[in-house]
């Protein structure tokens, strides 16, 4: 079976989407997964270049999978699969969630109803990556919605840096986009008192997507010395950062399901997540603290996570959960079964 994944232009800035779209490349044995996108590949995607197909329309595929919406790939996937009578799997990645649809509301409403939704209704499957997203998508697209967790390339080991004098490091890992509320986090950091605690640090890691300049201005204006934006962090540098960090924080307004939170749990980190991360299952674990999207709630959650770290709250159950449900090997079996079922149905 030859599968092609179409990654939208926006996803080239979004590490979470392209990591998911390329995670199982080279992992399917006799079957094969390739991907394509418009524009130049980001530096962090260079290790997947052997699976990139530039002139994909001229080749033969058994299944087309589109990642993201609002871009060329929805139309391209529909056109190719209709012409060749093969299955199409559409993966919105949370881009049709309520918060996202409120941004540029009228423009999205118009395009969704006139173009995007009519095309998506012709997909064989619309894949939801979280349980809340599945429920929301079913309201519009019905029984064709299928929930399947994203595969995440989890670390082989999760040993932490052993340094009794090390700072207790909090990390925000993701695009510096306003929907992920990096500025609100800084306000909460200051209110919690952690901003002026020499024993702790907050590191923002990820590419700028519109919020970095304002964040740096706030850091300077408020005289906060234990906060730093590291910029994009990939590969060994990212692995080192995660091992050095004790607490992961993501007070996002909207996510499909954040792979960075899954990774943090695999690294045995305490976590602070907003409900809007669409990862309700994570809150079953004592090591994951829920926060609302306001300064007071995030501030209290930061302090609670700090207390959990001090007390050594168990992270093993969360670690086991993500390996059982999100590792490439665990998702692969379900993914292969689904796609062969689609191929046979076509």
Protein backbone atom coordinates (compact mmCIF):
# COMPACT_ATOMS: atom_id res chain seq x y z
CA UNK A 1 0.00 0.00 0.00
CA UNK A 2 1.30 3.44 -0.99
CA UNK A 3 0.03 6.29 1.21
CA UNK A 4 0.62 10.00 0.63
CA UNK A 5 0.16 12.67 3.30
CA UNK A 6 -0.51 16.23 2.16
CA UNK A 7 0.71 18.73 4.75
CA UNK A 8 -0.76 22.22 4.48
CA UNK A 9 1.41 25.34 4.22
CA UNK A 10 0.59 26.43 7.75
CA UNK A 11 1.85 23.15 9.13
CA UNK A 12 5.38 23.91 8.00
CA UNK A 13 5.49 26.35 10.94
CA UNK A 14 3.68 23.96 13.23
CA UNK A 15 6.08 21.34 14.57
CA UNK A 16 3.26 19.34 16.12
CA UNK A 17 1.47 18.75 12.83
CA UNK A 18 4.47 17.83 10.71
CA UNK A 19 5.89 15.57 13.42
CA UNK A 20 2.58 13.69 13.45
CA UNK A 21 2.32 13.61 9.65
CA UNK A 22 5.81 12.16 9.24
CA UNK A 23 6.13 10.08 12.44
CA UNK A 24 5.35 6.73 10.83
CA UNK A 25 7.30 7.33 7.60
CA UNK A 26 9.56 4.32 7.10
CA UNK A 27 7.74 2.36 9.81
CA UNK A 28 5.12 0.44 7.79
CA UNK A 29 7.25 -2.45 6.57
CA UNK A 30 6.12 -3.53 3.12
CA UNK A 31 3.73 -0.60 2.97
CA UNK A 32 5.03 2.89 2.37
CA UNK A 33 4.18 6.41 3.56
CA UNK A 34 5.36 9.55 1.80
CA UNK A 35 4.43 13.21 2.22
CA UNK A 36 4.40 16.43 0.28
CA UNK A 37 3.76 20.11 0.90
CA UNK A 38 4.05 23.46 -0.81
CA UNK A 39 7.00 25.69 -0.10
CA UNK A 40 10.44 24.93 1.31
CA UNK A 41 10.77 22.31 4.02
CA UNK A 42 11.61 23.65 7.48
CA UNK A 43 15.07 22.86 8.83
CA UNK A 44 13.66 20.53 11.47
CA UNK A 45 12.08 18.37 8.76
CA UNK A 46 15.30 17.68 6.86
CA UNK A 47 15.73 14.23 8.38
CA UNK A 48 12.50 13.18 6.65
CA UNK A 49 13.50 14.46 3.22
CA UNK A 50 13.85 10.95 1.76
CA UNK A 51 10.08 10.52 2.14
CA UNK A 52 9.23 13.84 0.46
CA UNK A 53 7.58 13.58 -2.99
CA UNK A 54 7.55 16.82 -5.05
CA UNK A 55 5.50 15.79 -8.14
CA UNK A 56 3.04 13.62 -6.26
CA UNK A 57 0.14 14.03 -8.73
CA UNK A 58 2.05 12.03 -11.35
CA UNK A 59 2.38 8.97 -9.12
CA UNK A 60 -0.04 6.26 -8.06
CA UNK A 61 -1.33 6.16 -4.47
CA UNK A 62 -3.66 3.83 -2.58
CA UNK A 63 -4.73 6.33 0.10
CA UNK A 64 -4.43 10.11 0.37
CA UNK A 65 -4.32 11.71 3.82
CA UNK A 66 -4.63 15.49 4.19
CA UNK A 67 -3.35 17.30 7.29
CA UNK A 68 -4.96 20.59 8.31
CA UNK A 69 -7.67 22.65 6.66
CA UNK A 70 -8.11 26.06 4.97
CA UNK A 71 -5.31 25.30 2.51
CA UNK A 72 -4.69 23.77 -0.92
CA UNK A 73 -4.52 20.21 0.34
CA UNK A 74 -8.24 19.70 1.00
CA UNK A 75 -9.05 20.48 -2.63
CA UNK A 76 -6.06 18.52 -3.90
CA UNK A 77 -6.93 15.43 -1.86
CA UNK A 78 -10.56 15.53 -2.99
CA UNK A 79 -9.68 16.00 -6.63
CA UNK A 80 -7.08 13.20 -6.71
CA UNK A 81 -9.15 10.65 -4.77
CA UNK A 82 -12.26 11.35 -6.85
CA UNK A 83 -10.32 10.97 -10.09
CA UNK A 84 -8.60 7.73 -9.03
CA UNK A 85 -11.41 6.30 -6.87
CA UNK A 86 -9.26 5.77 -3.77
CA UNK A 87 -9.91 6.55 -0.06
CA UNK A 88 -9.27 9.96 1.45
CA UNK A 89 -8.52 10.52 5.15
CA UNK A 90 -8.81 14.13 6.35
CA UNK A 91 -7.13 15.20 9.60
CA UNK A 92 -8.16 18.72 10.74
CA UNK A 93 -5.79 18.74 13.76
CA UNK A 94 -8.14 20.84 15.87
CA UNK A 95 -8.42 23.58 13.24
CA UNK A 96 -12.22 23.16 13.22
CA UNK A 97 -12.51 23.42 17.01
CA UNK A 98 -14.73 26.20 18.44
CA UNK A 99 -11.92 28.56 19.44
CA UNK A 100 -10.26 28.29 16.05
CA UNK A 101 -13.53 28.94 14.20
CA UNK A 102 -14.01 32.17 16.19
CA UNK A 103 -10.80 33.61 14.76
CA UNK A 104 -11.55 35.53 11.53
CA UNK A 105 -15.05 34.31 12.22
CA UNK A 106 -17.02 35.48 9.19
CA UNK A 107 -14.30 34.58 6.69
CA UNK A 108 -13.97 31.06 8.12
CA UNK A 109 -17.74 30.59 8.41
CA UNK A 110 -18.18 31.51 4.76
CA UNK A 111 -15.32 29.33 3.48
CA UNK A 112 -16.25 26.41 5.74
CA UNK A 113 -19.84 26.31 4.56
CA UNK A 114 -19.19 27.00 0.89
CA UNK A 115 -15.97 25.05 0.31
CA UNK A 116 -14.31 23.19 3.19
CA UNK A 117 -17.25 21.32 4.76
CA UNK A 118 -18.83 20.17 1.45
CA UNK A 119 -15.46 18.71 0.42
CA UNK A 120 -14.76 17.12 3.81
CA UNK A 121 -18.14 15.40 3.70
CA UNK A 122 -16.78 13.45 0.73
CA UNK A 123 -13.79 12.13 2.69
CA UNK A 124 -13.81 8.43 3.55
CA UNK A 125 -12.77 9.22 7.12
CA UNK A 126 -12.29 12.41 9.10
CA UNK A 127 -9.76 11.61 11.78
CA UNK A 128 -10.10 13.27 15.18
CA UNK A 129 -6.99 13.24 17.35
CA UNK A 130 -8.77 13.83 20.67
CA UNK A 131 -12.07 12.74 22.21
CA UNK A 132 -13.49 16.30 22.47
CA UNK A 133 -12.58 16.97 18.84
CA UNK A 134 -14.31 13.74 17.81
CA UNK A 135 -17.52 14.84 19.52
CA UNK A 136 -17.39 18.28 17.88
CA UNK A 137 -16.68 16.89 14.42
CA UNK A 138 -19.48 14.32 14.68
CA UNK A 139 -22.00 17.15 15.03
CA UNK A 140 -21.15 18.27 11.51
CA UNK A 141 -19.79 15.16 9.76
CA UNK A 142 -21.51 12.27 11.51
CA UNK A 143 -20.39 8.66 11.39
CA UNK A 144 -17.38 9.25 9.11
CA UNK A 145 -15.50 10.72 12.10
CA UNK A 146 -12.97 8.28 13.55
CA UNK A 147 -10.88 8.89 16.69
CA UNK A 148 -7.27 7.77 16.58
CA UNK A 149 -4.49 9.22 18.73
CA UNK A 150 -1.55 10.81 16.96
CA UNK A 151 1.69 8.83 16.94
CA UNK A 152 4.43 10.61 18.88
CA UNK A 153 8.13 9.79 18.65
CA UNK A 154 8.71 9.31 22.37
CA UNK A 155 12.16 9.25 24.03
CA UNK A 156 13.84 5.88 24.48
CA UNK A 157 14.74 6.80 28.03
CA UNK A 158 13.52 9.48 30.40
CA UNK A 159 16.44 9.90 32.79
CA UNK A 160 16.53 13.37 34.27
CA UNK A 161 19.62 15.52 34.82
CA UNK A 162 20.95 14.56 38.25
CA UNK A 163 22.10 17.83 39.80
CA UNK A 164 21.11 18.72 43.33
CA UNK A 165 21.98 22.37 42.68
CA UNK A 166 20.02 22.61 39.43
CA UNK A 167 17.14 25.03 39.05
CA UNK A 168 13.60 23.74 39.07
CA UNK A 169 12.92 24.47 35.42
CA UNK A 170 9.48 25.05 33.91
CA UNK A 171 9.24 24.76 30.13
CA UNK A 172 6.73 26.05 27.58
CA UNK A 173 7.32 24.12 24.35
CA UNK A 174 5.50 25.18 21.20
CA UNK A 175 5.01 27.97 18.70
CA UNK A 176 4.93 31.41 20.28
CA UNK A 177 1.42 32.05 19.03
CA UNK A 178 -1.16 34.10 20.92
CA UNK A 179 -3.57 31.15 21.03
CA UNK A 180 -1.09 29.31 23.27
CA UNK A 181 -1.11 32.28 25.69
CA UNK A 182 2.62 32.77 26.33
CA UNK A 183 1.95 36.32 27.58
CA UNK A 184 -0.75 35.18 29.97
CA UNK A 185 1.68 32.60 31.31
CA UNK A 186 4.25 35.31 32.01
CA UNK A 187 1.66 37.34 33.92
CA UNK A 188 0.77 34.27 35.98
CA UNK A 189 4.46 33.52 36.55
CA UNK A 190 4.88 36.99 38.00
CA UNK A 191 1.75 36.83 40.16
CA UNK A 192 2.73 33.44 41.59
CA UNK A 193 5.96 34.90 42.97
CA UNK A 194 8.05 32.47 40.94
CA UNK A 195 9.33 35.35 38.79
CA UNK A 196 11.61 36.50 41.58
CA UNK A 197 12.61 33.09 42.96
CA UNK A 198 16.26 32.39 42.19
CA UNK A 199 15.70 28.63 42.54
CA UNK A 200 13.36 28.34 39.56
CA UNK A 201 13.35 29.26 35.88
CA UNK A 202 10.86 29.42 33.01
CA UNK A 203 12.06 28.62 29.51
CA UNK A 204 10.00 29.27 26.38
CA UNK A 205 11.12 27.05 23.49
CA UNK A 206 9.69 27.19 20.00
CA UNK A 207 9.58 29.28 16.83
CA UNK A 208 8.04 32.74 16.82
CA UNK A 209 4.53 32.86 15.40
CA UNK A 210 3.57 36.40 16.28
CA UNK A 211 4.06 36.65 20.06
CA UNK A 212 7.84 36.61 20.62
CA UNK A 213 8.48 40.35 20.34
CA UNK A 214 5.75 41.24 22.80
CA UNK A 215 6.89 38.49 25.17
CA UNK A 216 10.48 39.75 25.18
CA UNK A 217 9.27 43.31 25.75
CA UNK A 218 7.21 42.15 28.75
CA UNK A 219 10.18 40.25 30.20
CA UNK A 220 12.37 43.33 29.93
CA UNK A 221 9.75 45.80 31.16
CA UNK A 222 8.95 43.76 34.26
CA UNK A 223 12.54 42.99 35.12
CA UNK A 224 12.01 39.25 35.24
CA UNK A 225 15.43 37.61 35.18
CA UNK A 226 14.54 33.93 35.41
CA UNK A 227 12.56 33.78 32.14
CA UNK A 228 14.09 33.25 28.71
CA UNK A 229 12.91 32.54 25.17
CA UNK A 230 15.29 30.01 23.61
CA UNK A 231 13.89 30.10 20.09
CA UNK A 232 13.26 26.88 18.11
CA UNK A 233 14.75 23.81 19.81
CA UNK A 234 15.01 20.49 17.99
CA UNK A 235 16.82 17.17 18.13
CA UNK A 236 19.47 16.70 20.81
CA UNK A 237 19.01 20.25 22.11
CA UNK A 238 15.32 19.61 22.68
CA UNK A 239 16.03 16.27 24.36
CA UNK A 240 18.50 17.98 26.71
CA UNK A 241 15.99 20.71 27.53
CA UNK A 242 13.29 18.18 28.40
CA UNK A 243 15.66 16.21 30.63
CA UNK A 244 16.69 19.41 32.42
CA UNK A 245 13.08 20.49 32.97
CA UNK A 246 10.81 19.38 35.78
CA UNK A 247 7.49 20.99 34.85
CA UNK A 248 5.77 21.45 31.48
CA UNK A 249 3.26 24.27 31.00
CA UNK A 250 0.79 24.83 28.16
CA UNK A 251 -2.15 27.17 28.90
CA UNK A 252 -3.44 27.02 25.31
CA UNK A 253 -6.79 28.30 24.07
CA UNK A 254 -7.08 25.56 21.44
CA UNK A 255 -5.28 22.34 20.50
CA UNK A 256 -6.09 19.24 18.52
CA UNK A 257 -4.12 17.36 21.13
CA UNK A 258 -0.63 18.72 21.93
CA UNK A 259 2.14 16.24 21.15
CA UNK A 260 4.45 18.32 23.34
CA UNK A 261 2.31 17.49 26.38
CA UNK A 262 2.47 13.81 25.48
CA UNK A 263 6.27 14.09 25.22
CA UNK A 264 6.46 15.86 28.59
CA UNK A 265 4.56 13.02 30.24
CA UNK A 266 6.95 10.53 28.63
CA UNK A 267 9.84 12.50 30.17
CA UNK A 268 8.23 12.05 33.62
CA UNK A 269 7.48 15.76 34.00
CA UNK A 270 4.83 17.36 36.16
CA UNK A 271 2.42 19.19 33.82
CA UNK A 272 0.12 22.21 33.81
CA UNK A 273 -2.44 22.07 31.00
CA UNK A 274 -5.56 24.03 30.16
CA UNK A 275 -8.83 22.22 29.52
CA UNK A 276 -8.68 23.63 25.99
CA UNK A 277 -5.66 21.41 25.25
CA UNK A 278 -8.31 18.73 24.57
CA UNK A 279 -6.39 16.21 26.65
CA UNK A 280 -8.98 15.40 29.29
CA UNK A 281 -7.52 11.92 29.82
CA UNK A 282 -4.34 13.49 31.22
CA UNK A 283 -6.19 14.95 34.21
CA UNK A 284 -6.77 11.46 35.58
CA UNK A 285 -3.13 11.56 36.75
CA UNK A 286 -1.97 13.38 39.88
CA UNK A 287 1.06 14.70 38.01
CA UNK A 288 -1.12 16.77 35.62
CA UNK A 289 -2.70 19.98 36.94
CA UNK A 290 -5.66 21.58 35.18
CA UNK A 291 -5.84 25.35 34.76
CA UNK A 292 -8.38 27.81 33.39
CA UNK A 293 -7.35 30.60 31.04
CA UNK A 294 -6.89 33.41 33.55
CA UNK A 295 -3.96 34.69 35.58
CA UNK A 296 -5.22 33.48 38.95
CA UNK A 297 -5.88 29.93 37.82
CA UNK A 298 -2.58 29.53 35.98
CA UNK A 299 -0.70 31.08 38.91
CA UNK A 300 -2.23 28.58 41.35
CA UNK A 301 -1.55 25.71 38.96
CA UNK A 302 2.12 26.68 38.65
CA UNK A 303 2.49 26.66 42.42
CA UNK A 304 0.64 23.35 42.69
CA UNK A 305 2.94 21.77 40.10
CA UNK A 306 5.92 23.17 42.00
CA UNK A 307 4.60 21.54 45.16
CA UNK A 308 4.08 18.26 43.31
CA UNK A 309 7.67 18.38 42.12
CA UNK A 310 8.90 19.07 45.65
CA UNK A 311 6.86 16.18 47.03
CA UNK A 312 7.83 13.80 44.24
CA UNK A 313 4.27 13.17 43.02
CA UNK A 314 4.19 9.96 41.00
CA UNK A 315 4.59 10.36 37.22
CA UNK A 316 4.92 6.66 36.33
CA UNK A 317 1.23 6.11 35.52
CA UNK A 318 1.12 9.06 33.12
CA UNK A 319 4.37 7.85 31.53
CA UNK A 320 2.90 4.37 31.02
CA UNK A 321 -0.35 5.78 29.60
CA UNK A 322 1.32 7.77 26.84
CA UNK A 323 3.58 4.87 25.84
CA UNK A 324 0.60 2.54 25.62
CA UNK A 325 -1.49 4.95 23.56
CA UNK A 326 0.78 7.37 21.67
CA UNK A 327 4.05 5.60 20.88
CA UNK A 328 4.63 4.90 17.20
CA UNK A 329 4.47 1.16 17.78
CA UNK A 330 1.14 1.35 19.63
CA UNK A 331 -0.52 3.60 17.04
CA UNK A 332 1.00 1.77 14.09
CA UNK A 333 -1.04 -1.40 14.54
CA UNK A 334 -4.33 0.51 14.66
CA UNK A 335 -3.30 2.74 11.76
CA UNK A 336 -2.37 -0.17 9.50
CA UNK A 337 -5.60 -1.98 10.31
CA UNK A 338 -7.66 1.13 9.52
CA UNK A 339 -5.94 1.84 6.20
CA UNK A 340 -6.09 -1.72 4.93
CA UNK A 341 -9.78 -1.75 5.81
CA UNK A 342 -10.19 1.43 3.77
CA UNK A 343 -8.26 -0.04 0.83
CA UNK A 344 -10.41 -3.16 0.81
CA UNK A 345 -13.58 -1.07 1.06
CA UNK A 346 -12.62 1.00 -1.97
